[in-house]
Amino acid sequence: MKQAIRAYRDEYLTERGFARLKGFPLSLTPIYLQREDHITGLIRLLSIGLRVLTLLEFQVRRNLEQNKEKLTGLYIGNPKRETARPTAEILLAAFKEITLFLIEVKNEVYAHLTALSRLQQRILVLLGFPTTIYTQLGGQSFTPE
């Protein structure tokens, strides 16, 4: 019986994708688009966003399962709460406080990024990205055009 309940809870629900399209974060709400090609383009764009969210979620969950571990620190009100099945929305919210500063000095622009927290570094690793994908963006300078 426990296996049946676990299988039911872990199953993929197609309706969840449609709920994401209609609500947060993609918000395909009734809007006033006049042209059919605009409507088609918007739906295609939002479906790409849905695929990205689904892939992000799948990748992190699969790696957590393979490593037999759980993520902590995702829930603001309960930082010790663990989860092995985080949603894409909560994973992305962990990056909410990142700030990029661009400072121009003597015709050169310097970039400074907020340092990554341990949780943010762990999420990048679970996604299969090296942390340098983020850290190499800060500290660079370039000449503005």
N, C-alpha and C. Protein backbone atom coordinates (compact mmCIF):
# COMPACT_ATOMS: atom_id res chain seq x y z
N MET A 1 0.82 -1.19 0.00
CA MET A 1 0.00 0.00 0.00
C MET A 1 0.87 1.27 0.00
N LYS A 2 1.97 1.25 0.78
CA LYS A 2 2.86 2.41 0.83
C LYS A 2 3.47 2.68 -0.54
N GLN A 3 3.79 1.62 -1.29
CA GLN A 3 4.37 1.80 -2.62
C GLN A 3 3.36 2.45 -3.56
N ALA A 4 2.10 2.06 -3.45
CA ALA A 4 1.06 2.64 -4.30
C ALA A 4 0.89 4.13 -4.00
N ILE A 5 0.92 4.50 -2.73
CA ILE A 5 0.78 5.90 -2.35
C ILE A 5 1.98 6.70 -2.84
N ARG A 6 3.17 6.14 -2.68
CA ARG A 6 4.39 6.83 -3.15
C ARG A 6 4.36 7.01 -4.67
N ALA A 7 3.95 5.98 -5.41
CA ALA A 7 3.87 6.08 -6.87
C ALA A 7 2.86 7.14 -7.28
N TYR A 8 1.74 7.22 -6.57
CA TYR A 8 0.71 8.21 -6.87
C TYR A 8 1.25 9.62 -6.63
N ARG A 9 1.95 9.83 -5.53
CA ARG A 9 2.47 11.16 -5.20
C ARG A 9 3.59 11.58 -6.14
N ASP A 10 4.37 10.63 -6.63
CA ASP A 10 5.52 10.94 -7.48
C ASP A 10 5.21 11.00 -8.96
N GLU A 11 3.98 10.69 -9.36
CA GLU A 11 3.67 10.68 -10.78
C GLU A 11 3.70 12.08 -11.38
N TYR A 12 4.01 12.13 -12.66
CA TYR A 12 4.05 13.41 -13.36
C TYR A 12 2.62 13.79 -13.75
N LEU A 13 2.23 15.00 -13.45
CA LEU A 13 0.89 15.47 -13.76
C LEU A 13 0.96 16.50 -14.89
N THR A 14 0.37 16.16 -16.01
CA THR A 14 0.34 17.07 -17.15
C THR A 14 -0.41 18.35 -16.80
N GLU A 15 -1.42 18.22 -15.96
CA GLU A 15 -2.22 19.38 -15.59
C GLU A 15 -1.40 20.45 -14.89
N ARG A 16 -0.33 20.03 -14.22
CA ARG A 16 0.52 20.98 -13.51
C ARG A 16 1.16 21.96 -14.51
N GLY A 17 1.55 21.45 -15.67
CA GLY A 17 2.12 22.31 -16.70
C GLY A 17 1.11 23.34 -17.20
N PHE A 18 -0.13 22.90 -17.39
CA PHE A 18 -1.17 23.84 -17.83
C PHE A 18 -1.46 24.88 -16.75
N ALA A 19 -1.40 24.45 -15.49
CA ALA A 19 -1.61 25.39 -14.39
C ALA A 19 -0.50 26.44 -14.37
N ARG A 20 0.72 26.03 -14.67
CA ARG A 20 1.83 26.98 -14.74
C ARG A 20 1.63 27.96 -15.89
N LEU A 21 1.13 27.47 -17.02
CA LEU A 21 0.89 28.35 -18.16
C LEU A 21 -0.18 29.39 -17.83
N LYS A 22 -1.21 28.97 -17.12
CA LYS A 22 -2.32 29.87 -16.83
C LYS A 22 -2.06 30.77 -15.64
N GLY A 23 -1.20 30.35 -14.73
CA GLY A 23 -0.96 31.14 -13.52
C GLY A 23 0.48 31.56 -13.41
N PHE A 24 0.95 31.62 -12.17
CA PHE A 24 2.34 31.98 -11.91
C PHE A 24 3.23 30.84 -12.32
N PRO A 25 4.35 31.00 -12.95
CA PRO A 25 5.05 32.23 -13.27
C PRO A 25 4.85 32.69 -14.70
N LEU A 26 4.19 31.91 -15.54
CA LEU A 26 4.12 32.25 -16.96
C LEU A 26 2.93 33.14 -17.31
N SER A 27 1.83 33.00 -16.63
CA SER A 27 0.68 33.90 -16.71
C SER A 27 0.11 34.10 -18.11
N LEU A 28 -0.35 33.03 -18.71
CA LEU A 28 -1.07 33.14 -19.98
C LEU A 28 -2.51 33.48 -19.63
N THR A 29 -2.77 34.75 -19.45
CA THR A 29 -4.11 35.21 -19.07
C THR A 29 -4.79 35.81 -20.30
N PRO A 30 -6.09 35.91 -20.25
CA PRO A 30 -6.77 36.54 -21.39
C PRO A 30 -6.26 37.96 -21.60
N ILE A 31 -5.72 38.18 -22.76
CA ILE A 31 -5.22 39.51 -23.10
C ILE A 31 -5.78 39.88 -24.46
N TYR A 32 -5.62 41.10 -24.81
CA TYR A 32 -6.21 41.59 -26.04
C TYR A 32 -5.22 41.57 -27.19
N LEU A 33 -5.00 40.39 -27.72
CA LEU A 33 -4.17 40.26 -28.92
C LEU A 33 -5.12 40.15 -30.11
N GLN A 34 -4.87 40.96 -31.11
CA GLN A 34 -5.76 41.02 -32.26
C GLN A 34 -5.37 40.01 -33.34
N ARG A 35 -4.06 39.84 -33.53
CA ARG A 35 -3.60 39.02 -34.64
C ARG A 35 -3.32 37.59 -34.19
N GLU A 36 -3.69 36.67 -35.07
CA GLU A 36 -3.52 35.25 -34.77
C GLU A 36 -2.05 34.87 -34.65
N ASP A 37 -1.19 35.49 -35.48
CA ASP A 37 0.24 35.16 -35.39
C ASP A 37 0.85 35.64 -34.07
N HIS A 38 0.32 36.73 -33.49
CA HIS A 38 0.79 37.18 -32.18
C HIS A 38 0.37 36.19 -31.10
N ILE A 39 -0.84 35.70 -31.18
CA ILE A 39 -1.34 34.71 -30.21
C ILE A 39 -0.50 33.44 -30.30
N THR A 40 -0.26 32.97 -31.51
CA THR A 40 0.54 31.77 -31.71
C THR A 40 1.96 31.97 -31.18
N GLY A 41 2.55 33.11 -31.47
CA GLY A 41 3.90 33.40 -31.00
C GLY A 41 3.99 33.44 -29.49
N LEU A 42 3.00 34.08 -28.83
CA LEU A 42 2.99 34.15 -27.38
C LEU A 42 2.89 32.77 -26.75
N ILE A 43 2.01 31.94 -27.30
CA ILE A 43 1.84 30.59 -26.75
C ILE A 43 3.10 29.77 -26.96
N ARG A 44 3.74 29.92 -28.10
CA ARG A 44 5.00 29.19 -28.35
C ARG A 44 6.09 29.66 -27.39
N LEU A 45 6.19 30.94 -27.18
CA LEU A 45 7.20 31.49 -26.27
C LEU A 45 6.96 30.99 -24.84
N LEU A 46 5.73 31.02 -24.39
CA LEU A 46 5.42 30.56 -23.04
C LEU A 46 5.61 29.06 -22.89
N SER A 47 5.37 28.31 -23.96
CA SER A 47 5.60 26.86 -23.88
C SER A 47 7.09 26.54 -23.78
N ILE A 48 7.93 27.38 -24.39
CA ILE A 48 9.38 27.22 -24.23
C ILE A 48 9.75 27.49 -22.77
N GLY A 49 9.17 28.53 -22.19
CA GLY A 49 9.40 28.82 -20.77
C GLY A 49 8.97 27.67 -19.88
N LEU A 50 7.84 27.06 -20.20
CA LEU A 50 7.37 25.90 -19.44
C LEU A 50 8.34 24.73 -19.55
N ARG A 51 8.87 24.52 -20.73
CA ARG A 51 9.85 23.43 -20.92
C ARG A 51 11.12 23.69 -20.12
N VAL A 52 11.56 24.93 -20.07
CA VAL A 52 12.75 25.27 -19.29
C VAL A 52 12.51 25.01 -17.81
N LEU A 53 11.35 25.44 -17.29
CA LEU A 53 11.02 25.20 -15.89
C LEU A 53 10.98 23.70 -15.58
N THR A 54 10.36 22.94 -16.46
CA THR A 54 10.23 21.50 -16.26
C THR A 54 11.60 20.82 -16.29
N LEU A 55 12.44 21.22 -17.23
CA LEU A 55 13.77 20.63 -17.34
C LEU A 55 14.63 20.97 -16.12
N LEU A 56 14.58 22.21 -15.67
CA LEU A 56 15.32 22.63 -14.49
C LEU A 56 14.91 21.79 -13.28
N GLU A 57 13.63 21.65 -13.08
CA GLU A 57 13.10 20.87 -11.97
C GLU A 57 13.52 19.40 -12.06
N PHE A 58 13.40 18.83 -13.25
CA PHE A 58 13.75 17.43 -13.47
C PHE A 58 15.22 17.18 -13.16
N GLN A 59 16.09 18.04 -13.65
CA GLN A 59 17.53 17.88 -13.47
C GLN A 59 17.91 17.89 -11.99
N VAL A 60 17.41 18.86 -11.25
CA VAL A 60 17.74 18.97 -9.83
C VAL A 60 17.19 17.78 -9.06
N ARG A 61 15.94 17.42 -9.32
CA ARG A 61 15.33 16.29 -8.61
C ARG A 61 16.06 14.98 -8.90
N ARG A 62 16.44 14.78 -10.15
CA ARG A 62 17.15 13.55 -10.50
C ARG A 62 18.50 13.46 -9.80
N ASN A 63 19.24 14.56 -9.78
CA ASN A 63 20.54 14.55 -9.11
C ASN A 63 20.40 14.39 -7.60
N LEU A 64 19.38 14.99 -7.00
CA LEU A 64 19.15 14.80 -5.57
C LEU A 64 18.83 13.33 -5.27
N GLU A 65 18.03 12.72 -6.12
CA GLU A 65 17.67 11.31 -5.93
C GLU A 65 18.89 10.40 -6.10
N GLN A 66 19.69 10.66 -7.11
CA GLN A 66 20.89 9.85 -7.34
C GLN A 66 21.87 9.95 -6.18
N ASN A 67 21.99 11.13 -5.59
CA ASN A 67 22.90 11.35 -4.47
C ASN A 67 22.27 11.01 -3.13
N LYS A 68 20.97 10.65 -3.17
CA LYS A 68 20.22 10.35 -1.94
C LYS A 68 20.36 11.49 -0.92
N GLU A 69 20.08 12.69 -1.37
CA GLU A 69 20.18 13.85 -0.49
C GLU A 69 18.98 14.77 -0.66
N LYS A 70 18.90 15.76 0.22
CA LYS A 70 17.83 16.74 0.18
C LYS A 70 18.43 18.13 0.27
N LEU A 71 17.73 19.11 -0.26
CA LEU A 71 18.17 20.51 -0.19
C LEU A 71 17.53 21.18 1.02
N THR A 72 18.31 21.98 1.71
CA THR A 72 17.79 22.79 2.81
C THR A 72 18.06 24.25 2.49
N GLY A 73 17.28 25.13 3.11
CA GLY A 73 17.49 26.56 2.94
C GLY A 73 16.66 27.19 1.84
N LEU A 74 15.80 26.42 1.20
CA LEU A 74 14.98 26.97 0.12
C LEU A 74 13.77 27.75 0.63
N TYR A 75 13.28 27.39 1.80
CA TYR A 75 12.05 27.98 2.32
C TYR A 75 12.39 29.07 3.32
N ILE A 76 12.05 30.30 3.01
CA ILE A 76 12.43 31.46 3.81
C ILE A 76 11.91 31.36 5.24
N GLY A 77 10.68 31.00 5.42
CA GLY A 77 10.08 30.91 6.75
C GLY A 77 10.57 29.72 7.56
N ASN A 78 11.16 28.74 6.89
CA ASN A 78 11.62 27.54 7.56
C ASN A 78 12.93 27.08 6.93
N PRO A 79 14.05 27.73 7.26
CA PRO A 79 15.32 27.46 6.58
C PRO A 79 15.88 26.05 6.79
N LYS A 80 15.41 25.34 7.82
CA LYS A 80 15.91 23.99 8.06
C LYS A 80 15.07 22.92 7.35
N ARG A 81 13.99 23.33 6.72
CA ARG A 81 13.13 22.39 6.01
C ARG A 81 13.89 21.78 4.84
N GLU A 82 13.79 20.47 4.70
CA GLU A 82 14.48 19.75 3.63
C GLU A 82 13.47 19.32 2.57
N THR A 83 13.93 19.21 1.34
CA THR A 83 13.10 18.68 0.27
C THR A 83 13.98 17.98 -0.76
N ALA A 84 13.46 16.89 -1.26
CA ALA A 84 14.13 16.18 -2.35
C ALA A 84 13.42 16.47 -3.67
N ARG A 85 12.30 17.20 -3.61
CA ARG A 85 11.52 17.50 -4.81
C ARG A 85 11.18 19.00 -4.89
N PRO A 86 12.21 19.84 -5.01
CA PRO A 86 11.94 21.28 -5.10
C PRO A 86 11.31 21.65 -6.44
N THR A 87 10.49 22.67 -6.41
CA THR A 87 9.91 23.17 -7.66
C THR A 87 10.89 24.13 -8.32
N ALA A 88 10.72 24.32 -9.60
CA ALA A 88 11.58 25.25 -10.35
C ALA A 88 11.43 26.66 -9.81
N GLU A 89 10.21 27.02 -9.45
CA GLU A 89 9.95 28.37 -8.96
C GLU A 89 10.73 28.65 -7.66
N ILE A 90 10.76 27.68 -6.76
CA ILE A 90 11.46 27.89 -5.48
C ILE A 90 12.97 27.85 -5.69
N LEU A 91 13.43 27.07 -6.66
CA LEU A 91 14.86 27.06 -6.98
C LEU A 91 15.30 28.41 -7.54
N LEU A 92 14.50 28.96 -8.43
CA LEU A 92 14.84 30.26 -9.01
C LEU A 92 14.74 31.39 -7.98
N ALA A 93 13.81 31.25 -7.03
CA ALA A 93 13.67 32.27 -5.98
C ALA A 93 14.91 32.34 -5.11
N ALA A 94 15.67 31.25 -5.04
CA ALA A 94 16.92 31.25 -4.26
C ALA A 94 17.94 32.22 -4.85
N PHE A 95 17.77 32.61 -6.11
CA PHE A 95 18.69 33.53 -6.77
C PHE A 95 18.15 34.96 -6.82
N LYS A 96 17.09 35.21 -6.09
CA LYS A 96 16.40 36.49 -6.14
C LYS A 96 17.27 37.68 -5.71
N GLU A 97 18.14 37.48 -4.75
CA GLU A 97 18.91 38.58 -4.17
C GLU A 97 20.22 38.87 -4.87
N ILE A 98 20.42 38.31 -6.04
CA ILE A 98 21.66 38.57 -6.78
C ILE A 98 21.62 39.97 -7.37
N THR A 99 22.73 40.68 -7.24
CA THR A 99 22.82 42.04 -7.74
C THR A 99 24.04 42.18 -8.63
N LEU A 100 23.88 42.85 -9.74
CA LEU A 100 24.98 43.15 -10.64
C LEU A 100 25.19 44.66 -10.64
N PHE A 101 26.41 45.07 -10.32
CA PHE A 101 26.77 46.49 -10.37
C PHE A 101 27.66 46.71 -11.58
N LEU A 102 27.35 47.71 -12.36
CA LEU A 102 28.21 48.13 -13.46
C LEU A 102 28.67 49.55 -13.14
N ILE A 103 29.99 49.71 -13.04
CA ILE A 103 30.55 51.00 -12.67
C ILE A 103 31.47 51.45 -13.79
N GLU A 104 31.25 52.66 -14.28
CA GLU A 104 32.10 53.21 -15.33
C GLU A 104 33.10 54.18 -14.72
N VAL A 105 34.37 53.91 -14.97
CA VAL A 105 35.45 54.75 -14.48
C VAL A 105 36.42 54.99 -15.63
N LYS A 106 36.61 56.24 -15.97
CA LYS A 106 37.54 56.63 -17.03
C LYS A 106 37.33 55.81 -18.30
N ASN A 107 36.10 55.77 -18.74
CA ASN A 107 35.72 55.11 -20.00
C ASN A 107 35.93 53.59 -19.97
N GLU A 108 36.00 53.00 -18.79
CA GLU A 108 36.03 51.55 -18.63
C GLU A 108 34.90 51.16 -17.70
N VAL A 109 34.23 50.05 -18.01
CA VAL A 109 33.12 49.58 -17.19
C VAL A 109 33.58 48.35 -16.41
N TYR A 110 33.36 48.40 -15.09
CA TYR A 110 33.69 47.28 -14.22
C TYR A 110 32.40 46.64 -13.73
N ALA A 111 32.40 45.32 -13.70
CA ALA A 111 31.22 44.58 -13.26
C ALA A 111 31.52 43.93 -11.92
N HIS A 112 30.54 44.00 -11.03
CA HIS A 112 30.67 43.32 -9.73
C HIS A 112 29.36 42.58 -9.45
N LEU A 113 29.48 41.31 -9.11
CA LEU A 113 28.31 40.49 -8.79
C LEU A 113 28.32 40.11 -7.32
N THR A 114 27.13 39.99 -6.75
CA THR A 114 26.99 39.48 -5.40
C THR A 114 27.56 38.06 -5.35
N ALA A 115 28.24 37.73 -4.27
CA ALA A 115 28.80 36.38 -4.12
C ALA A 115 27.67 35.35 -3.97
N LEU A 116 27.90 34.17 -4.48
CA LEU A 116 26.91 33.10 -4.37
C LEU A 116 26.90 32.50 -2.97
N SER A 117 25.71 32.20 -2.47
CA SER A 117 25.61 31.50 -1.20
C SER A 117 25.89 30.02 -1.43
N ARG A 118 26.05 29.27 -0.36
CA ARG A 118 26.26 27.82 -0.49
C ARG A 118 25.09 27.15 -1.19
N LEU A 119 23.88 27.59 -0.85
CA LEU A 119 22.69 27.03 -1.48
C LEU A 119 22.70 27.29 -2.98
N GLN A 120 23.01 28.50 -3.39
CA GLN A 120 23.05 28.84 -4.81
C GLN A 120 24.13 28.04 -5.53
N GLN A 121 25.28 27.86 -4.90
CA GLN A 121 26.34 27.06 -5.49
C GLN A 121 25.88 25.61 -5.65
N ARG A 122 25.20 25.10 -4.64
CA ARG A 122 24.72 23.71 -4.68
C ARG A 122 23.70 23.53 -5.81
N ILE A 123 22.81 24.49 -5.98
CA ILE A 123 21.80 24.40 -7.05
C ILE A 123 22.49 24.38 -8.41
N LEU A 124 23.49 25.23 -8.61
CA LEU A 124 24.22 25.24 -9.88
C LEU A 124 24.86 23.88 -10.14
N VAL A 125 25.46 23.29 -9.11
CA VAL A 125 26.09 21.97 -9.27
C VAL A 125 25.03 20.92 -9.60
N LEU A 126 23.88 20.97 -8.93
CA LEU A 126 22.79 20.02 -9.22
C LEU A 126 22.26 20.17 -10.64
N LEU A 127 22.37 21.37 -11.18
CA LEU A 127 21.94 21.61 -12.57
C LEU A 127 23.00 21.18 -13.57
N GLY A 128 24.19 20.85 -13.06
CA GLY A 128 25.26 20.42 -13.95
C GLY A 128 26.12 21.55 -14.45
N PHE A 129 26.03 22.72 -13.81
CA PHE A 129 26.83 23.88 -14.20
C PHE A 129 27.98 24.05 -13.22
N PRO A 130 29.16 24.41 -13.71
CA PRO A 130 30.23 24.77 -12.77
C PRO A 130 29.90 26.15 -12.20
N THR A 131 30.35 26.41 -10.98
CA THR A 131 30.07 27.72 -10.38
C THR A 131 30.78 28.85 -11.12
N THR A 132 31.78 28.51 -11.92
CA THR A 132 32.49 29.54 -12.69
C THR A 132 31.59 30.17 -13.75
N ILE A 133 30.51 29.49 -14.11
CA ILE A 133 29.57 30.08 -15.08
C ILE A 133 29.02 31.39 -14.54
N TYR A 134 28.96 31.49 -13.22
CA TYR A 134 28.49 32.71 -12.57
C TYR A 134 29.65 33.61 -12.18
N THR A 135 30.64 33.04 -11.54
CA THR A 135 31.72 33.86 -10.97
C THR A 135 32.55 34.56 -12.04
N GLN A 136 32.64 34.00 -13.23
CA GLN A 136 33.43 34.66 -14.28
C GLN A 136 32.78 35.94 -14.79
N LEU A 137 31.52 36.16 -14.48
CA LEU A 137 30.84 37.38 -14.92
C LEU A 137 31.27 38.60 -14.12
N GLY A 138 31.60 38.41 -12.86
CA GLY A 138 32.02 39.52 -12.00
C GLY A 138 33.50 39.81 -12.18
N GLY A 139 33.87 41.02 -11.88
CA GLY A 139 35.28 41.39 -11.92
C GLY A 139 35.83 41.66 -13.30
N GLN A 140 35.01 41.51 -14.32
CA GLN A 140 35.48 41.79 -15.68
C GLN A 140 35.37 43.28 -15.94
N SER A 141 36.22 43.75 -16.78
CA SER A 141 36.09 45.14 -17.23
C SER A 141 36.08 45.16 -18.74
N PHE A 142 35.40 46.11 -19.28
CA PHE A 142 35.34 46.25 -20.74
C PHE A 142 35.12 47.71 -21.10
N THR A 143 35.41 48.04 -22.30
CA THR A 143 35.24 49.39 -22.79
C THR A 143 33.86 49.53 -23.40
N PRO A 144 33.05 50.49 -22.95
CA PRO A 144 31.72 50.64 -23.53
C PRO A 144 31.80 51.14 -24.98
N GLU A 145 30.83 50.75 -25.76
CA GLU A 145 30.80 51.16 -27.17
C GLU A 145 30.02 52.43 -27.37
